[in-house]
Amino acid sequence: MSDVYAERRARLLERCVAGGSDAALVTGGANVRYLAGRVPAGSALLVGPGHDLLLCVADPFDAGGDGRPAGDLRIFVLPSVEGDPAVAAAERAEAAGARAVAVEEHHLTVLRHRALRSVAPGLRLDDLGPAVEQQRLVKDDEEISCLRIAAEIADQALGELLESILVGRTERHLALELERRLVDHGATGAAFATSVGTGPDSGLMGHVPCDRRVEEGDFLTVCLGADYRGYHSEVARTFVIGTSPSEWQIELYEQVFAAQRAGREALVPGTPYREVDRAVRRVLDAAGHAERLGPWVGHGVGLENGEDPRLAPSAMGKLDACVPVTVDPGVHLPGRGGVRIDDTLVVRPEADGGPELLTITTKELLAL
């Protein structure tokens, strides 16, 4: 993997040099990991001039496990845990003769930016912008393999939960059990806080599980994801508890399912992000739920949950092959509950079979 990380850094440096900068100072946590491997939290990465340098407040080789910093990186451990790796990187860049360094302004506080200017007054600080995030959009085979395993783990945890007794258990208890099962199946942990909503809580985006107990006739919505070697999956399903679904539940479920299917079918390389959003909204608008859909219908996944691209009405850009995204529409009816269906997929050309579905738990409206 060290060759992969080195190639990623070389591409970034080439972009910086073309823009007039001698080096890049990367401070976003996921971005540092993408370019350097698994590193201690708070590390900073100086790409160029002359060599690439990882600056940390803890020895990265004390962490153990796989995915350690790439072997060709020079590593500098600050003598004090109170030191700032980014500030130390700016000092070293100026000492190495750099005249301009591109920094991730969106990952720097004003105070930290001032500190960089203070320790390296002769250094011009350019804005790197989301260059690394854009480079991260298209995933390589190893990254997609990690995402595939993360999806399998989430599916396994969810499948086991569906085989257990649910009536009478609380949302909070079910969420904790799901997160334990993720770890049991090989995940580092949950990719995000697991959401379980039942009855009037069902279908809510980002619902925080509470002590409400599952009752017969409820909708039950579960949204979870696994973190596997830093890569995140996401899946959400909605079920009916203990009895055959009522007419309004069947109707709402079919509307959200049709919208989610339209979004999945729109995942073709070259399709504008906003067109995927429009495909989903068109179905729910026709069903009278226009105002109940959230600000986006999906997003990218990878080292972060909720990374670019955003599948939203105003999103700019077009889908590329090998970009993993979610399609996650939901409709919530206040006081009654709702439906949310979410999958993780990888954009593929039609010649390769179209979008690759990573989360395969059934989307049939089951009565549990």
Protein backbone atom coordinates (compact mmCIF):
# COMPACT_ATOMS: atom_id res chain seq x y z
CA MET A 1 0.00 0.00 0.00
CA SER A 2 2.95 2.40 0.48
CA ASP A 3 3.19 2.81 -3.30
CA VAL A 4 -0.50 3.74 -3.42
CA TYR A 5 -0.08 6.42 -0.75
CA ALA A 6 3.03 7.78 -2.47
CA GLU A 7 1.19 8.01 -5.78
CA ARG A 8 -1.70 9.86 -4.11
CA ARG A 9 0.70 12.38 -2.58
CA ALA A 10 2.52 12.82 -5.89
CA ARG A 11 -0.77 13.66 -7.63
CA LEU A 12 -1.60 16.20 -4.94
CA LEU A 13 1.84 17.84 -5.14
CA GLU A 14 1.59 18.04 -8.92
CA ARG A 15 -1.68 19.92 -8.55
CA CYS A 16 -0.17 22.28 -5.97
CA VAL A 17 2.87 23.05 -8.10
CA ALA A 18 0.62 23.77 -11.07
CA GLY A 19 -1.22 26.27 -8.88
CA GLY A 20 1.96 28.04 -7.78
CA SER A 21 2.57 26.38 -4.41
CA ASP A 22 5.74 24.52 -3.44
CA ALA A 23 4.06 22.14 -1.00
CA ALA A 24 0.76 21.14 0.61
CA LEU A 25 -0.02 21.11 4.33
CA VAL A 26 -2.84 18.63 4.96
CA THR A 27 -4.62 18.72 8.32
CA GLY A 28 -8.07 17.20 7.73
CA GLY A 29 -8.12 13.88 9.58
CA ALA A 30 -9.60 11.78 6.76
CA ASN A 31 -7.40 13.51 4.22
CA VAL A 32 -4.22 12.74 6.18
CA ARG A 33 -5.29 9.11 6.47
CA TYR A 34 -6.00 8.93 2.73
CA LEU A 35 -2.49 10.18 1.93
CA ALA A 36 -0.49 8.53 4.71
CA GLY A 37 -2.31 5.49 6.07
CA ARG A 38 -3.54 5.00 9.62
CA VAL A 39 -2.01 7.72 11.77
CA PRO A 40 -2.61 9.21 15.24
CA ALA A 41 -5.43 11.70 15.55
CA GLY A 42 -4.39 15.30 15.05
CA SER A 43 -1.45 14.53 12.76
CA ALA A 44 -0.43 16.90 9.97
CA LEU A 45 1.11 15.94 6.65
CA LEU A 46 3.57 18.11 4.71
CA VAL A 47 3.71 16.99 1.07
CA GLY A 48 6.96 18.39 -0.36
CA PRO A 49 9.26 20.23 -0.70
CA GLY A 50 11.94 17.60 -1.20
CA HIS A 51 10.27 14.90 0.86
CA ASP A 52 6.96 14.13 2.54
CA LEU A 53 6.82 14.53 6.31
CA LEU A 54 4.25 13.26 8.79
CA LEU A 55 4.15 15.24 12.04
CA CYS A 56 2.40 13.76 15.08
CA VAL A 57 2.09 14.19 18.82
CA ALA A 58 2.29 10.41 19.41
CA ASP A 59 4.47 7.70 17.92
CA PRO A 60 2.39 6.21 15.06
CA PHE A 61 4.04 2.83 15.46
CA ASP A 62 2.69 2.47 18.99
CA ALA A 63 -0.86 2.13 17.64
CA GLY A 64 -0.41 -1.40 16.25
CA GLY A 65 -2.70 -3.04 13.74
CA ASP A 66 -2.66 -2.68 9.97
CA GLY A 67 -2.63 0.38 7.79
CA ARG A 68 0.30 2.08 9.52
CA PRO A 69 1.90 5.15 7.95
CA ALA A 70 3.42 4.44 4.55
CA GLY A 71 7.00 3.26 4.85
CA ASP A 72 8.52 5.99 2.65
CA LEU A 73 7.24 8.80 4.86
CA ARG A 74 9.59 10.65 7.15
CA ILE A 75 8.03 10.90 10.59
CA PHE A 76 8.57 13.58 13.22
CA VAL A 77 7.06 13.13 16.67
CA LEU A 78 6.70 16.44 18.51
CA PRO A 79 8.55 16.53 21.83
CA SER A 80 5.43 17.75 23.64
CA VAL A 81 1.82 16.64 23.34
CA GLU A 82 0.91 20.31 23.59
CA GLY A 83 2.68 21.06 20.32
CA ASP A 84 0.82 21.71 17.08
CA PRO A 85 1.88 19.48 14.17
CA ALA A 86 0.61 21.99 11.60
CA VAL A 87 2.66 24.82 13.11
CA ALA A 88 5.75 22.60 13.23
CA ALA A 89 5.15 21.67 9.58
CA ALA A 90 5.03 25.34 8.54
CA GLU A 91 8.34 25.98 10.30
CA ARG A 92 9.98 23.07 8.52
CA ALA A 93 8.56 24.04 5.14
CA GLU A 94 10.04 27.53 5.42
CA ALA A 95 13.35 26.13 6.63
CA ALA A 96 13.42 23.84 3.58
CA GLY A 97 13.14 26.81 1.26
CA ALA A 98 9.45 26.71 0.40
CA ARG A 99 8.01 30.08 -0.61
CA ALA A 100 4.34 29.09 -0.73
CA VAL A 101 2.39 26.27 0.91
CA ALA A 102 -1.19 25.34 0.12
CA VAL A 103 -3.20 24.79 3.33
CA GLU A 104 -6.67 23.40 3.95
CA GLU A 105 -8.32 26.60 5.13
CA HIS A 106 -11.63 24.78 5.70
CA HIS A 107 -9.84 22.59 8.28
CA LEU A 108 -8.00 25.43 10.03
CA THR A 109 -9.33 27.72 12.73
CA VAL A 110 -8.53 31.42 12.46
CA LEU A 111 -6.28 31.06 15.51
CA ARG A 112 -4.34 28.19 13.96
CA HIS A 113 -3.99 30.06 10.66
CA ARG A 114 -2.53 33.03 12.54
CA ALA A 115 -0.09 30.71 14.32
CA LEU A 116 1.16 29.40 10.97
CA ARG A 117 1.78 32.95 9.75
CA SER A 118 3.51 33.84 13.00
CA VAL A 119 6.08 31.00 12.95
CA ALA A 120 6.74 31.24 9.19
CA PRO A 121 6.34 34.91 8.25
CA GLY A 122 8.16 34.44 4.95
CA LEU A 123 5.83 31.69 3.81
CA ARG A 124 2.86 32.48 1.57
CA LEU A 125 -0.19 30.49 2.57
CA ASP A 126 -2.39 29.57 -0.37
CA ASP A 127 -5.77 27.85 -0.06
CA LEU A 128 -5.66 24.20 -1.06
CA GLY A 129 -9.45 24.06 -0.95
CA PRO A 130 -11.15 20.63 -1.22
CA ALA A 131 -8.39 19.23 -3.45
CA VAL A 132 -7.88 16.11 -1.35
CA GLU A 133 -11.61 15.53 -0.94
CA GLN A 134 -11.99 15.71 -4.72
CA GLN A 135 -9.11 13.29 -5.16
CA ARG A 136 -10.83 10.92 -2.74
CA LEU A 137 -14.08 10.81 -4.74
CA VAL A 138 -13.14 7.95 -7.07
CA LYS A 139 -12.18 4.86 -5.07
CA ASP A 140 -9.62 2.25 -6.07
CA ASP A 141 -10.19 -1.51 -5.86
CA GLU A 142 -8.76 -1.80 -2.35
CA GLU A 143 -11.01 0.96 -1.04
CA ILE A 144 -14.09 -0.57 -2.65
CA SER A 145 -13.14 -3.94 -1.18
CA CYS A 146 -13.12 -2.36 2.29
CA LEU A 147 -16.49 -0.73 1.63
CA ARG A 148 -17.89 -4.05 0.44
CA ILE A 149 -16.80 -5.76 3.67
CA ALA A 150 -18.19 -2.88 5.76
CA ALA A 151 -21.54 -3.33 3.98
CA GLU A 152 -21.49 -7.09 4.57
CA ILE A 153 -20.87 -6.53 8.28
CA ALA A 154 -23.80 -4.11 8.55
CA ASP A 155 -26.05 -6.54 6.68
CA GLN A 156 -25.04 -9.37 9.02
CA ALA A 157 -25.75 -7.33 12.15
CA LEU A 158 -29.11 -6.19 10.82
CA GLY A 159 -30.09 -9.70 9.70
CA GLU A 160 -29.38 -11.15 13.13
CA LEU A 161 -31.44 -8.46 14.81
CA LEU A 162 -34.43 -9.27 12.62
CA GLU A 163 -34.31 -12.88 13.81
CA SER A 164 -34.63 -11.87 17.47
CA ILE A 165 -37.67 -10.90 19.55
CA LEU A 166 -38.30 -7.17 19.18
CA VAL A 167 -41.63 -6.42 20.89
CA GLY A 168 -41.13 -4.79 24.28
CA ARG A 169 -37.49 -3.81 23.73
CA THR A 170 -36.46 -0.17 23.68
CA GLU A 171 -35.00 1.77 20.79
CA ARG A 172 -31.87 2.43 22.84
CA HIS A 173 -31.35 -1.25 23.66
CA LEU A 174 -31.74 -2.29 20.03
CA ALA A 175 -29.23 0.36 18.89
CA LEU A 176 -26.65 -0.79 21.44
CA GLU A 177 -27.14 -4.43 20.42
CA LEU A 178 -26.63 -3.57 16.76
CA GLU A 179 -23.38 -1.74 17.50
CA ARG A 180 -22.12 -4.71 19.52
CA ARG A 181 -22.95 -7.04 16.65
CA LEU A 182 -21.01 -4.82 14.23
CA VAL A 183 -17.88 -5.28 16.32
CA ASP A 184 -18.56 -9.01 16.73
CA HIS A 185 -18.50 -9.37 12.94
CA GLY A 186 -15.19 -7.57 12.48
CA ALA A 187 -15.97 -3.86 12.37
CA THR A 188 -13.73 -1.36 14.15
CA GLY A 189 -16.98 0.14 15.36
CA ALA A 190 -20.08 1.88 14.12
CA ALA A 191 -19.58 4.25 11.19
CA PHE A 192 -21.97 6.70 12.90
CA ALA A 193 -24.43 6.67 15.78
CA THR A 194 -26.92 3.88 15.09
CA SER A 195 -30.49 5.13 14.77
CA VAL A 196 -33.50 3.04 15.75
CA GLY A 197 -36.95 4.59 15.61
CA THR A 198 -40.28 2.91 16.30
CA GLY A 199 -43.89 4.05 16.05
CA PRO A 200 -44.06 7.85 15.76
CA ASP A 201 -40.24 7.98 15.77
CA SER A 202 -39.89 5.80 12.67
CA GLY A 203 -38.64 7.35 9.44
CA LEU A 204 -36.94 10.30 11.10
CA MET A 205 -33.48 11.15 9.75
CA GLY A 206 -30.85 10.93 12.47
CA HIS A 207 -33.32 10.01 15.20
CA VAL A 208 -31.58 9.51 18.56
CA PRO A 209 -32.86 6.26 20.11
CA CYS A 210 -34.83 6.73 23.31
CA ASP A 211 -36.58 4.50 25.87
CA ARG A 212 -39.73 4.04 23.79
CA ARG A 213 -40.56 0.36 23.53
CA VAL A 214 -41.40 -1.49 20.35
CA GLU A 215 -45.12 -2.25 20.08
CA GLU A 216 -47.15 -4.42 17.73
CA GLY A 217 -48.29 -2.59 14.61
CA ASP A 218 -45.38 -0.10 14.75
CA PHE A 219 -43.16 0.83 11.89
CA LEU A 220 -39.55 0.15 12.94
CA THR A 221 -36.77 2.02 11.12
CA VAL A 222 -33.14 1.02 11.61
CA CYS A 223 -30.17 2.97 10.19
CA LEU A 224 -26.64 1.73 10.82
CA GLY A 225 -23.22 1.43 9.28
CA ALA A 226 -19.93 -0.35 9.91
CA ASP A 227 -16.42 1.08 10.02
CA TYR A 228 -14.01 -1.40 8.47
CA ARG A 229 -10.37 -0.27 8.25
CA GLY A 230 -11.61 3.31 8.19
CA TYR A 231 -14.17 2.83 5.40
CA HIS A 232 -17.85 3.31 6.13
CA SER A 233 -21.04 1.65 4.96
CA GLU A 234 -24.62 2.79 5.49
CA VAL A 235 -27.92 0.93 5.34
CA ALA A 236 -31.46 1.69 6.51
CA ARG A 237 -34.54 -0.48 6.44
CA THR A 238 -38.13 -0.13 7.67
CA PHE A 239 -40.28 -3.00 8.92
CA VAL A 240 -43.67 -3.55 10.54
CA ILE A 241 -43.78 -5.18 13.96
CA GLY A 242 -45.85 -8.22 14.83
CA THR A 243 -48.75 -7.95 12.40
CA SER A 244 -49.68 -7.40 8.79
CA PRO A 245 -49.09 -3.79 7.73
CA SER A 246 -52.07 -1.46 7.47
CA GLU A 247 -53.10 0.15 4.18
CA TRP A 248 -51.45 3.49 4.97
CA GLN A 249 -48.20 1.72 5.88
CA ILE A 250 -48.19 -0.28 2.64
CA GLU A 251 -48.94 2.82 0.57
CA LEU A 252 -46.22 4.94 2.21
CA TYR A 253 -43.68 2.15 1.98
CA GLU A 254 -44.35 1.60 -1.72
CA GLN A 255 -43.96 5.33 -2.40
CA VAL A 256 -40.58 5.56 -0.65
CA PHE A 257 -39.42 2.28 -2.20
CA ALA A 258 -40.30 3.53 -5.69
CA ALA A 259 -38.42 6.78 -5.05
CA GLN A 260 -35.35 4.94 -3.77
CA ARG A 261 -35.39 2.62 -6.77
CA ALA A 262 -35.57 5.62 -9.13
CA GLY A 263 -32.51 7.08 -7.42
CA ARG A 264 -30.57 3.83 -7.67
CA GLU A 265 -31.40 3.47 -11.35
CA ALA A 266 -30.13 7.02 -12.00
CA LEU A 267 -26.61 6.17 -10.78
CA VAL A 268 -24.95 6.18 -14.19
CA PRO A 269 -21.52 7.74 -14.89
CA GLY A 270 -21.99 11.20 -16.34
CA THR A 271 -25.33 11.84 -14.63
CA PRO A 272 -25.45 15.21 -12.84
CA TYR A 273 -25.79 14.90 -9.07
CA ARG A 274 -28.92 17.02 -9.16
CA GLU A 275 -30.54 14.62 -11.66
CA VAL A 276 -30.28 11.77 -9.16
CA ASP A 277 -31.94 14.01 -6.58
CA ARG A 278 -34.60 14.98 -9.11
CA ALA A 279 -35.37 11.34 -9.94
CA VAL A 280 -36.13 10.64 -6.29
CA ARG A 281 -38.09 13.83 -5.66
CA ARG A 282 -40.20 13.37 -8.77
CA VAL A 283 -41.71 10.19 -7.33
CA LEU A 284 -42.38 11.62 -3.88
CA ASP A 285 -43.66 14.92 -5.26
CA ALA A 286 -46.28 12.98 -7.23
CA ALA A 287 -47.26 11.19 -4.00
CA GLY A 288 -47.75 14.50 -2.19
CA HIS A 289 -44.65 14.31 0.00
CA ALA A 290 -42.55 17.08 -1.56
CA GLU A 291 -42.20 19.01 1.68
CA ARG A 292 -41.29 15.93 3.73
CA LEU A 293 -38.07 15.02 1.91
CA GLY A 294 -34.78 16.21 3.36
CA PRO A 295 -32.23 18.58 1.75
CA TRP A 296 -30.52 15.72 -0.11
CA VAL A 297 -31.35 12.17 -1.13
CA GLY A 298 -27.87 10.68 -0.84
CA HIS A 299 -24.18 11.35 -0.36
CA GLY A 300 -20.74 9.90 -0.83
CA VAL A 301 -19.19 7.40 1.58
CA GLY A 302 -15.62 6.37 2.21
CA LEU A 303 -13.25 7.42 4.98
CA GLU A 304 -16.05 9.67 6.16
CA ASN A 305 -19.77 9.15 6.32
CA GLY A 306 -21.44 11.99 4.46
CA GLU A 307 -18.53 12.98 2.21
CA ASP A 308 -18.77 14.31 -1.33
CA PRO A 309 -20.70 14.11 -3.54
CA ARG A 310 -24.02 15.42 -2.24
CA LEU A 311 -27.03 14.30 -4.23
CA ALA A 312 -29.00 17.49 -3.76
CA PRO A 313 -31.07 19.94 -5.85
CA SER A 314 -28.29 22.53 -6.12
CA ALA A 315 -25.32 20.14 -6.28
CA MET A 316 -22.82 20.80 -9.05
CA GLY A 317 -20.92 18.03 -10.80
CA LYS A 318 -21.50 14.66 -12.41
CA LEU A 319 -21.11 11.08 -11.25
CA ASP A 320 -17.94 9.17 -12.09
CA ALA A 321 -17.50 5.42 -12.17
CA CYS A 322 -16.17 3.87 -8.93
CA VAL A 323 -17.74 6.56 -6.74
CA PRO A 324 -19.60 5.01 -3.77
CA VAL A 325 -22.78 6.80 -2.71
CA THR A 326 -25.91 6.25 -0.68
CA VAL A 327 -29.47 6.65 -1.88
CA ASP A 328 -31.50 7.26 1.28
CA PRO A 329 -34.93 8.88 0.87
CA GLY A 330 -37.32 8.95 3.78
CA VAL A 331 -40.77 10.30 4.58
CA HIS A 332 -42.00 10.93 8.12
CA LEU A 333 -45.64 11.67 8.95
CA PRO A 334 -45.78 13.57 12.26
CA GLY A 335 -47.51 11.59 14.97
CA ARG A 336 -47.75 8.43 12.85
CA GLY A 337 -44.24 7.44 11.81
CA GLY A 338 -42.57 6.90 8.50
CA VAL A 339 -40.30 5.01 6.17
CA ARG A 340 -36.61 5.30 5.37
CA ILE A 341 -34.74 3.08 2.91
CA ASP A 342 -31.00 3.50 2.43
CA ASP A 343 -28.39 1.59 0.46
CA THR A 344 -24.69 1.94 -0.22
CA LEU A 345 -23.82 1.50 -3.89
CA VAL A 346 -20.86 1.99 -6.21
CA VAL A 347 -21.46 3.81 -9.50
CA ARG A 348 -20.65 1.52 -12.43
CA PRO A 349 -21.21 1.93 -16.19
CA GLU A 350 -24.10 0.04 -17.75
CA ALA A 351 -21.58 -2.12 -19.64
CA ASP A 352 -20.41 -3.42 -16.25
CA GLY A 353 -23.91 -4.13 -15.02
CA GLY A 354 -24.85 -0.72 -13.68
CA PRO A 355 -24.61 0.38 -10.04
CA GLU A 356 -23.16 -2.21 -7.67
CA LEU A 357 -25.39 -2.71 -4.64
CA LEU A 358 -23.25 -3.29 -1.55
CA THR A 359 -26.00 -3.50 1.11
CA ILE A 360 -28.22 -6.45 0.22
CA THR A 361 -30.61 -6.83 3.18
CA THR A 362 -34.07 -7.33 1.72
CA LYS A 363 -36.16 -4.25 0.99
CA GLU A 364 -39.39 -6.23 1.19
CA LEU A 365 -41.84 -4.81 3.76
CA LEU A 366 -41.52 -7.58 6.34
CA ALA A 367 -43.76 -8.09 9.34
CA LEU A 368 -41.41 -9.10 12.17
